C-alpha atoms as a PDB file:
ATOM      1  CA  MET A   1     -29.637   7.097-106.337  1.00  0.00           C
ATOM      2  CA  ASN A   2     -30.565  10.262-108.147  1.00  0.00           C
ATOM      3  CA  PHE A   3     -27.178  11.049-109.671  1.00  0.00           C
ATOM      4  CA  ASP A   4     -28.390  14.224-111.386  1.00  0.00           C
ATOM      5  CA  ALA A   5     -29.703  15.650-108.110  1.00  0.00           C
ATOM      6  CA  LEU A   6     -26.507  14.659-106.311  1.00  0.00           C
ATOM      7  CA  GLN A   7     -24.316  16.229-108.968  1.00  0.00           C
ATOM      8  CA  SER A   8     -26.372  19.428-108.837  1.00  0.00           C
ATOM      9  CA  ALA A   9     -26.330  19.582-105.035  1.00  0.00           C
ATOM     10  CA  ALA A  10     -22.560  19.063-104.884  1.00  0.00           C
ATOM     11  CA  ASN A  11     -22.116  21.776-107.524  1.00  0.00           C
ATOM     12  CA  ASP A  12     -24.203  24.136-105.380  1.00  0.00           C
ATOM     13  CA  VAL A  13     -21.825  23.585-102.463  1.00  0.00           C
ATOM     14  CA  ILE A  14     -18.769  24.107-104.672  1.00  0.00           C
ATOM     15  CA  ASP A  15     -20.243  27.313-106.114  1.00  0.00           C
ATOM     16  CA  ALA A  16     -21.059  28.632-102.645  1.00  0.00           C
ATOM     17  CA  ILE A  17     -17.524  27.961-101.436  1.00  0.00           C
ATOM     18  CA  ASP A  18     -16.118  29.713-104.496  1.00  0.00           C
ATOM     19  CA  THR A  19     -18.381  32.759-104.392  1.00  0.00           C
ATOM     20  CA  ASP A  20     -19.747  33.402-100.886  1.00  0.00           C
ATOM     21  CA  SER A  21     -18.010  35.416 -98.217  1.00  0.00           C
ATOM     22  CA  LEU A  22     -17.483  32.993 -95.353  1.00  0.00           C
ATOM     23  CA  GLU A  23     -16.343  34.923 -92.315  1.00  0.00           C
ATOM     24  CA  THR A  24     -15.073  32.441 -89.772  1.00  0.00           C
ATOM     25  CA  VAL A  25     -14.262  29.240 -91.636  1.00  0.00           C
ATOM     26  CA  THR A  26     -10.612  28.412 -92.162  1.00  0.00           C
ATOM     27  CA  ALA A  27      -9.368  27.991 -95.712  1.00  0.00           C
ATOM     28  CA  ASP A  28      -8.186  24.447 -94.942  1.00  0.00           C
ATOM     29  CA  VAL A  29     -11.678  23.350 -93.914  1.00  0.00           C
ATOM     30  CA  LEU A  30     -13.248  24.897 -96.998  1.00  0.00           C
ATOM     31  CA  THR A  31     -10.633  23.260 -99.203  1.00  0.00           C
ATOM     32  CA  THR A  32     -11.295  19.860 -97.643  1.00  0.00           C
ATOM     33  CA  ILE A  33     -15.058  20.212 -98.025  1.00  0.00           C
ATOM     34  CA  LYS A  34     -14.659  21.406-101.615  1.00  0.00           C
ATOM     35  CA  HIS A  35     -12.395  18.477-102.543  1.00  0.00           C
ATOM     36  CA  GLN A  36     -14.930  16.033-101.170  1.00  0.00           C
ATOM     37  CA  MET A  37     -17.752  17.763-103.055  1.00  0.00           C
ATOM     38  CA  VAL A  38     -15.745  17.592-106.288  1.00  0.00           C
ATOM     39  CA  PHE A  39     -15.234  13.852-105.682  1.00  0.00           C
ATOM     40  CA  ILE A  40     -18.961  13.388-105.039  1.00  0.00           C
ATOM     41  CA  ARG A  41     -19.926  15.477-108.076  1.00  0.00           C
ATOM     42  CA  ASP A  42     -17.560  13.628-110.391  1.00  0.00           C
ATOM     43  CA  ALA A  43     -18.677  10.196-109.185  1.00  0.00           C
ATOM     44  CA  ALA A  44     -22.330  11.175-109.613  1.00  0.00           C
ATOM     45  CA  ALA A  45     -21.604  12.524-113.110  1.00  0.00           C
ATOM     46  CA  ALA A  46     -20.134   9.116-113.962  1.00  0.00           C
ATOM     47  CA  GLY A  47     -23.231   7.368-112.574  1.00  0.00           C
ATOM     48  CA  LYS A  48     -21.349   5.898-109.627  1.00  0.00           C
ATOM     49  CA  ASP A  49     -22.151   5.861-105.926  1.00  0.00           C
ATOM     50  CA  PRO A  50     -19.548   8.182-104.382  1.00  0.00           C
ATOM     51  CA  ALA A  51     -19.377   6.216-101.136  1.00  0.00           C
ATOM     52  CA  ALA A  52     -18.611   3.028-103.064  1.00  0.00           C
ATOM     53  CA  GLU A  53     -15.817   4.828-104.932  1.00  0.00           C
ATOM     54  CA  LEU A  54     -13.900   5.735-101.760  1.00  0.00           C
ATOM     55  CA  PRO A  55     -10.745   3.771-100.974  1.00  0.00           C
ATOM     56  CA  ALA A  56     -11.207   1.038 -98.367  1.00  0.00           C
ATOM     57  CA  GLY A  57     -11.377   2.427 -94.847  1.00  0.00           C
ATOM     58  CA  THR A  58     -12.045   5.984 -96.009  1.00  0.00           C
ATOM     59  CA  LYS A  59     -15.166   7.962 -95.134  1.00  0.00           C
ATOM     60  CA  PHE A  60     -16.505  11.368 -96.042  1.00  0.00           C
ATOM     61  CA  THR A  61     -15.759  13.969 -93.359  1.00  0.00           C
ATOM     62  CA  TYR A  62     -17.351  17.044 -94.915  1.00  0.00           C
ATOM     63  CA  ALA A  63     -20.462  16.922 -92.704  1.00  0.00           C
ATOM     64  CA  VAL A  64     -18.465  16.762 -89.473  1.00  0.00           C
ATOM     65  CA  LEU A  65     -16.197  19.582 -90.581  1.00  0.00           C
ATOM     66  CA  ALA A  66     -19.164  21.713 -91.589  1.00  0.00           C
ATOM     67  CA  SER A  67     -21.015  21.125 -88.321  1.00  0.00           C
ATOM     68  CA  ARG A  68     -17.942  22.213 -86.345  1.00  0.00           C
ATOM     69  CA  GLU A  69     -16.988  25.221 -88.448  1.00  0.00           C
ATOM     70  CA  LEU A  70     -20.066  26.853 -89.944  1.00  0.00           C
ATOM     71  CA  ALA A  71     -21.719  29.381 -87.638  1.00  0.00           C
ATOM     72  CA  SER A  72     -22.530  32.752 -89.250  1.00  0.00           C
ATOM     73  CA  PRO A  73     -25.799  33.270 -91.156  1.00  0.00           C
ATOM     74  CA  ASN A  74     -23.979  33.126 -94.500  1.00  0.00           C
ATOM     75  CA  GLU A  75     -22.181  29.967 -93.441  1.00  0.00           C
ATOM     76  CA  LEU A  76     -25.460  28.383 -92.370  1.00  0.00           C
ATOM     77  CA  MET A  77     -26.661  28.807 -95.963  1.00  0.00           C
ATOM     78  CA  LEU A  78     -23.675  26.679 -96.986  1.00  0.00           C
ATOM     79  CA  GLN A  79     -24.587  24.180 -94.259  1.00  0.00           C
ATOM     80  CA  THR A  80     -28.056  23.869 -95.786  1.00  0.00           C
ATOM     81  CA  ARG A  81     -26.519  23.037 -99.156  1.00  0.00           C
ATOM     82  CA  ILE A  82     -24.189  20.499 -97.567  1.00  0.00           C
ATOM     83  CA  ASP A  83     -27.115  18.895 -95.752  1.00  0.00           C
ATOM     84  CA  LYS A  84     -28.874  18.443 -99.105  1.00  0.00           C
ATOM     85  CA  VAL A  85     -25.885  16.452-100.425  1.00  0.00           C
ATOM     86  CA  THR A  86     -25.978  14.284 -97.320  1.00  0.00           C
ATOM     87  CA  ARG A  87     -29.721  13.622 -97.647  1.00  0.00           C
ATOM     88  CA  ILE A  88     -29.291  12.488-101.240  1.00  0.00           C
ATOM     89  CA  LEU A  89     -26.390  10.193-100.292  1.00  0.00           C
ATOM     90  CA  ILE A  90     -28.325   8.693 -97.384  1.00  0.00           C
ATOM     91  CA  LYS A  91     -31.342   7.892 -99.585  1.00  0.00           C
ATOM     92  CA  ALA A  92     -29.120   5.740-101.807  1.00  0.00           C
END
């Protein structure tokens, strides 16, 4: 797994959540996605597979939340960043 690329991609999502104006997404959804991205970023920074670091029976839900919530053009830019994180995780 390319941990540097994963860390960078997760940081891009976090930065977008912190700085972009997202019109229709609820704060709870953004908070949940951000927490998962922080977890992914921190695991990647430590050289660990984020999926392997999850507690037993737990899965990432950020992609499902994003696909349900993100709709406006600005939000679709965030979706693109989220998709990049997913692609890197899947290649692992």
